[in-house]
């Protein structure tokens, strides 16, 4: 079961969220939150892409959040960084997958969000042999021709 890609944007204004919506189109849901605590609440055990405005929070709090979210499996994009190499390095060291200084640079981060989908466990096939169950879970397994036996089985 596929789910629509989702991005959490954490900022105090709507400047970045508007730019993300424009860049991503309707293919990705952009959810807005205003605090780092709300990011944690929105994640609630999920691993979703996060874009957070660095200018809205103290560096210490943001670095702690970036480390926590990235360790939990969420790709984190830091927005509004000043462009200083030391600052970018600190965010990347904490776990950020990308750092951008202005909304004009969002295009360089769009692929990170559009490639990412929350891990949704596939339903377990009922009592299939191991080889057939593995084949059914492969991305191309559903493209098998009708009437053709699963891999490893011969008529």
C-alpha atoms as a PDB file:
ATOM      1  CA  UNK A   1       0.000   0.000   0.000  1.00  0.00           C
ATOM      2  CA  UNK A   2       1.543   3.303  -1.071  1.00  0.00           C
ATOM      3  CA  UNK A   3       1.096   6.455   0.930  1.00  0.00           C
ATOM      4  CA  UNK A   4       1.315  10.011  -0.312  1.00  0.00           C
ATOM      5  CA  UNK A   5       4.695  11.569   0.505  1.00  0.00           C
ATOM      6  CA  UNK A   6       4.565  13.991   3.419  1.00  0.00           C
ATOM      7  CA  UNK A   7       6.842  16.820   4.569  1.00  0.00           C
ATOM      8  CA  UNK A   8       6.727  18.542   7.959  1.00  0.00           C
ATOM      9  CA  UNK A   9       7.802  22.193   7.770  1.00  0.00           C
ATOM     10  CA  UNK A  10       8.670  23.818  11.101  1.00  0.00           C
ATOM     11  CA  UNK A  11       8.824  27.614  11.019  1.00  0.00           C
ATOM     12  CA  UNK A  12       7.265  30.655  12.672  1.00  0.00           C
ATOM     13  CA  UNK A  13       5.928  32.149   9.412  1.00  0.00           C
ATOM     14  CA  UNK A  14       4.525  30.530   6.264  1.00  0.00           C
ATOM     15  CA  UNK A  15       7.373  31.667   4.032  1.00  0.00           C
ATOM     16  CA  UNK A  16       9.111  28.307   3.705  1.00  0.00           C
ATOM     17  CA  UNK A  17       5.923  26.215   3.581  1.00  0.00           C
ATOM     18  CA  UNK A  18       4.641  28.328   0.700  1.00  0.00           C
ATOM     19  CA  UNK A  19       7.902  27.841  -1.183  1.00  0.00           C
ATOM     20  CA  UNK A  20       7.796  24.075  -0.541  1.00  0.00           C
ATOM     21  CA  UNK A  21       4.210  23.812  -1.793  1.00  0.00           C
ATOM     22  CA  UNK A  22       5.158  25.700  -4.944  1.00  0.00           C
ATOM     23  CA  UNK A  23       8.199  23.481  -5.546  1.00  0.00           C
ATOM     24  CA  UNK A  24       6.530  20.141  -4.735  1.00  0.00           C
ATOM     25  CA  UNK A  25       3.114  20.677  -6.289  1.00  0.00           C
ATOM     26  CA  UNK A  26       0.217  18.494  -5.245  1.00  0.00           C
ATOM     27  CA  UNK A  27       2.233  15.282  -5.068  1.00  0.00           C
ATOM     28  CA  UNK A  28       3.425  15.893  -1.510  1.00  0.00           C
ATOM     29  CA  UNK A  29       1.438  16.904   1.568  1.00  0.00           C
ATOM     30  CA  UNK A  30       3.137  19.837   3.336  1.00  0.00           C
ATOM     31  CA  UNK A  31       2.215  19.958   7.022  1.00  0.00           C
ATOM     32  CA  UNK A  32       3.093  23.063   9.018  1.00  0.00           C
ATOM     33  CA  UNK A  33       4.094  23.290  12.665  1.00  0.00           C
ATOM     34  CA  UNK A  34       5.405  26.259  14.653  1.00  0.00           C
ATOM     35  CA  UNK A  35       7.611  24.654  17.322  1.00  0.00           C
ATOM     36  CA  UNK A  36      10.146  21.871  17.738  1.00  0.00           C
ATOM     37  CA  UNK A  37       7.810  20.216  20.250  1.00  0.00           C
ATOM     38  CA  UNK A  38       5.084  20.131  17.605  1.00  0.00           C
ATOM     39  CA  UNK A  39       7.488  18.340  15.257  1.00  0.00           C
ATOM     40  CA  UNK A  40       7.881  15.586  17.869  1.00  0.00           C
ATOM     41  CA  UNK A  41       4.099  15.411  18.317  1.00  0.00           C
ATOM     42  CA  UNK A  42       3.485  15.244  14.561  1.00  0.00           C
ATOM     43  CA  UNK A  43       6.052  12.479  14.117  1.00  0.00           C
ATOM     44  CA  UNK A  44       4.612  10.338  16.951  1.00  0.00           C
ATOM     45  CA  UNK A  45       6.826   7.367  16.113  1.00  0.00           C
ATOM     46  CA  UNK A  46       6.786   7.919  12.339  1.00  0.00           C
ATOM     47  CA  UNK A  47       9.825   8.709  10.229  1.00  0.00           C
ATOM     48  CA  UNK A  48       8.872  11.581   7.906  1.00  0.00           C
ATOM     49  CA  UNK A  49      10.972  14.209   6.125  1.00  0.00           C
ATOM     50  CA  UNK A  50      11.334  17.409   8.144  1.00  0.00           C
ATOM     51  CA  UNK A  51      12.332  20.899   6.996  1.00  0.00           C
ATOM     52  CA  UNK A  52      13.075  23.273   9.874  1.00  0.00           C
ATOM     53  CA  UNK A  53      13.852  27.003   9.819  1.00  0.00           C
ATOM     54  CA  UNK A  54      17.152  27.568  11.631  1.00  0.00           C
ATOM     55  CA  UNK A  55      16.501  31.280  12.100  1.00  0.00           C
ATOM     56  CA  UNK A  56      13.438  30.562  14.246  1.00  0.00           C
ATOM     57  CA  UNK A  57      15.191  28.562  16.984  1.00  0.00           C
ATOM     58  CA  UNK A  58      18.360  28.578  19.032  1.00  0.00           C
ATOM     59  CA  UNK A  59      21.182  26.583  17.468  1.00  0.00           C
ATOM     60  CA  UNK A  60      21.504  24.401  20.574  1.00  0.00           C
ATOM     61  CA  UNK A  61      17.829  23.374  20.576  1.00  0.00           C
ATOM     62  CA  UNK A  62      17.796  22.863  16.821  1.00  0.00           C
ATOM     63  CA  UNK A  63      20.951  20.726  16.823  1.00  0.00           C
ATOM     64  CA  UNK A  64      19.433  18.536  19.540  1.00  0.00           C
ATOM     65  CA  UNK A  65      16.239  18.146  17.498  1.00  0.00           C
ATOM     66  CA  UNK A  66      18.101  17.399  14.272  1.00  0.00           C
ATOM     67  CA  UNK A  67      20.122  14.684  16.020  1.00  0.00           C
ATOM     68  CA  UNK A  68      17.020  13.124  17.605  1.00  0.00           C
ATOM     69  CA  UNK A  69      14.942  13.134  14.393  1.00  0.00           C
ATOM     70  CA  UNK A  70      17.718  11.835  12.165  1.00  0.00           C
ATOM     71  CA  UNK A  71      18.497   9.012  14.614  1.00  0.00           C
ATOM     72  CA  UNK A  72      14.802   8.085  14.447  1.00  0.00           C
ATOM     73  CA  UNK A  73      15.037   7.797  10.643  1.00  0.00           C
ATOM     74  CA  UNK A  74      13.647  11.156   9.515  1.00  0.00           C
ATOM     75  CA  UNK A  75      15.621  13.010   6.859  1.00  0.00           C
ATOM     76  CA  UNK A  76      16.090  16.578   8.140  1.00  0.00           C
ATOM     77  CA  UNK A  77      16.601  19.609   5.911  1.00  0.00           C
ATOM     78  CA  UNK A  78      17.760  22.760   7.693  1.00  0.00           C
ATOM     79  CA  UNK A  79      16.395  25.968   6.184  1.00  0.00           C
ATOM     80  CA  UNK A  80      17.574  29.544   6.497  1.00  0.00           C
ATOM     81  CA  UNK A  81      21.119  28.746   7.526  1.00  0.00           C
ATOM     82  CA  UNK A  82      23.419  31.747   7.236  1.00  0.00           C
ATOM     83  CA  UNK A  83      25.620  30.049   4.679  1.00  0.00           C
ATOM     84  CA  UNK A  84      28.646  29.897   6.957  1.00  0.00           C
ATOM     85  CA  UNK A  85      30.552  26.674   6.509  1.00  0.00           C
ATOM     86  CA  UNK A  86      30.920  26.046  10.262  1.00  0.00           C
ATOM     87  CA  UNK A  87      27.161  26.338  10.786  1.00  0.00           C
ATOM     88  CA  UNK A  88      26.377  24.026   7.862  1.00  0.00           C
ATOM     89  CA  UNK A  89      28.937  21.521   9.106  1.00  0.00           C
ATOM     90  CA  UNK A  90      27.373  21.518  12.599  1.00  0.00           C
ATOM     91  CA  UNK A  91      23.892  20.770  11.217  1.00  0.00           C
ATOM     92  CA  UNK A  92      25.228  18.039   8.937  1.00  0.00           C
ATOM     93  CA  UNK A  93      27.250  16.555  11.803  1.00  0.00           C
ATOM     94  CA  UNK A  94      24.038  16.440  13.856  1.00  0.00           C
ATOM     95  CA  UNK A  95      22.372  14.484  11.049  1.00  0.00           C
ATOM     96  CA  UNK A  96      20.860  16.970   8.573  1.00  0.00           C
ATOM     97  CA  UNK A  97      20.795  15.569   5.038  1.00  0.00           C
ATOM     98  CA  UNK A  98      20.742  19.028   3.449  1.00  0.00           C
ATOM     99  CA  UNK A  99      21.189  22.681   4.456  1.00  0.00           C
ATOM    100  CA  UNK A 100      19.876  25.593   2.397  1.00  0.00           C
ATOM    101  CA  UNK A 101      20.023  29.335   2.972  1.00  0.00           C
ATOM    102  CA  UNK A 102      17.056  30.675   0.988  1.00  0.00           C
ATOM    103  CA  UNK A 103      13.779  29.528  -0.597  1.00  0.00           C
ATOM    104  CA  UNK A 104      15.433  29.949  -4.010  1.00  0.00           C
ATOM    105  CA  UNK A 105      17.535  26.867  -3.157  1.00  0.00           C
ATOM    106  CA  UNK A 106      14.586  24.563  -2.405  1.00  0.00           C
ATOM    107  CA  UNK A 107      14.955  22.930  -5.814  1.00  0.00           C
ATOM    108  CA  UNK A 108      18.151  21.288  -4.589  1.00  0.00           C
ATOM    109  CA  UNK A 109      16.190  19.572  -1.788  1.00  0.00           C
ATOM    110  CA  UNK A 110      13.024  18.566  -3.638  1.00  0.00           C
ATOM    111  CA  UNK A 111      14.443  15.168  -4.655  1.00  0.00           C
ATOM    112  CA  UNK A 112      15.124  14.311  -1.005  1.00  0.00           C
ATOM    113  CA  UNK A 113      11.451  14.760  -0.160  1.00  0.00           C
ATOM    114  CA  UNK A 114       9.965  13.178  -3.283  1.00  0.00           C
ATOM    115  CA  UNK A 115      12.171  10.073  -2.991  1.00  0.00           C
ATOM    116  CA  UNK A 116      11.277   9.512   0.607  1.00  0.00           C
ATOM    117  CA  UNK A 117       8.189   7.531   1.599  1.00  0.00           C
ATOM    118  CA  UNK A 118       7.353   6.371   5.098  1.00  0.00           C
ATOM    119  CA  UNK A 119       8.044   2.675   5.491  1.00  0.00           C
ATOM    120  CA  UNK A 120       4.703   0.929   5.286  1.00  0.00           C
ATOM    121  CA  UNK A 121       4.911  -2.771   6.055  1.00  0.00           C
ATOM    122  CA  UNK A 122       3.644  -4.898   3.194  1.00  0.00           C
ATOM    123  CA  UNK A 123       0.848  -7.288   4.092  1.00  0.00           C
ATOM    124  CA  UNK A 124       2.153 -10.780   4.702  1.00  0.00           C
ATOM    125  CA  UNK A 125       1.029 -13.255   2.046  1.00  0.00           C
ATOM    126  CA  UNK A 126      -1.003 -16.041   3.615  1.00  0.00           C
ATOM    127  CA  UNK A 127       0.975 -19.279   3.893  1.00  0.00           C
ATOM    128  CA  UNK A 128       3.019 -18.879   0.714  1.00  0.00           C
ATOM    129  CA  UNK A 129       6.232 -20.815   0.232  1.00  0.00           C
ATOM    130  CA  UNK A 130       9.253 -18.707   1.177  1.00  0.00           C
ATOM    131  CA  UNK A 131      10.478 -18.255  -2.416  1.00  0.00           C
ATOM    132  CA  UNK A 132       7.031 -17.180  -3.665  1.00  0.00           C
ATOM    133  CA  UNK A 133       6.471 -14.847  -0.695  1.00  0.00           C
ATOM    134  CA  UNK A 134       9.837 -13.177  -1.375  1.00  0.00           C
ATOM    135  CA  UNK A 135       9.011 -12.792  -5.084  1.00  0.00           C
ATOM    136  CA  UNK A 136       5.619 -11.224  -4.272  1.00  0.00           C
ATOM    137  CA  UNK A 137       7.371  -8.549  -2.196  1.00  0.00           C
ATOM    138  CA  UNK A 138       9.747  -7.512  -4.984  1.00  0.00           C
ATOM    139  CA  UNK A 139       8.749  -4.281  -6.733  1.00  0.00           C
ATOM    140  CA  UNK A 140       8.348  -6.082 -10.044  1.00  0.00           C
ATOM    141  CA  UNK A 141       6.516  -9.070  -8.563  1.00  0.00           C
ATOM    142  CA  UNK A 142       3.123  -7.542  -9.297  1.00  0.00           C
ATOM    143  CA  UNK A 143       3.988  -7.222 -13.007  1.00  0.00           C
ATOM    144  CA  UNK A 144       4.001 -10.985 -13.553  1.00  0.00           C
ATOM    145  CA  UNK A 145       1.810 -11.961 -16.531  1.00  0.00           C
ATOM    146  CA  UNK A 146      -1.592 -13.366 -15.687  1.00  0.00           C
ATOM    147  CA  UNK A 147      -1.532 -17.154 -15.583  1.00  0.00           C
ATOM    148  CA  UNK A 148       2.264 -17.286 -15.256  1.00  0.00           C
ATOM    149  CA  UNK A 149       3.417 -19.246 -12.205  1.00  0.00           C
ATOM    150  CA  UNK A 150       5.425 -17.372  -9.562  1.00  0.00           C
ATOM    151  CA  UNK A 151       9.205 -17.541  -9.789  1.00  0.00           C
ATOM    152  CA  UNK A 152      10.597 -20.940  -8.964  1.00  0.00           C
ATOM    153  CA  UNK A 153       7.381 -22.832  -9.755  1.00  0.00           C
ATOM    154  CA  UNK A 154       6.994 -24.624 -13.034  1.00  0.00           C
ATOM    155  CA  UNK A 155       3.753 -25.893 -14.546  1.00  0.00           C
END
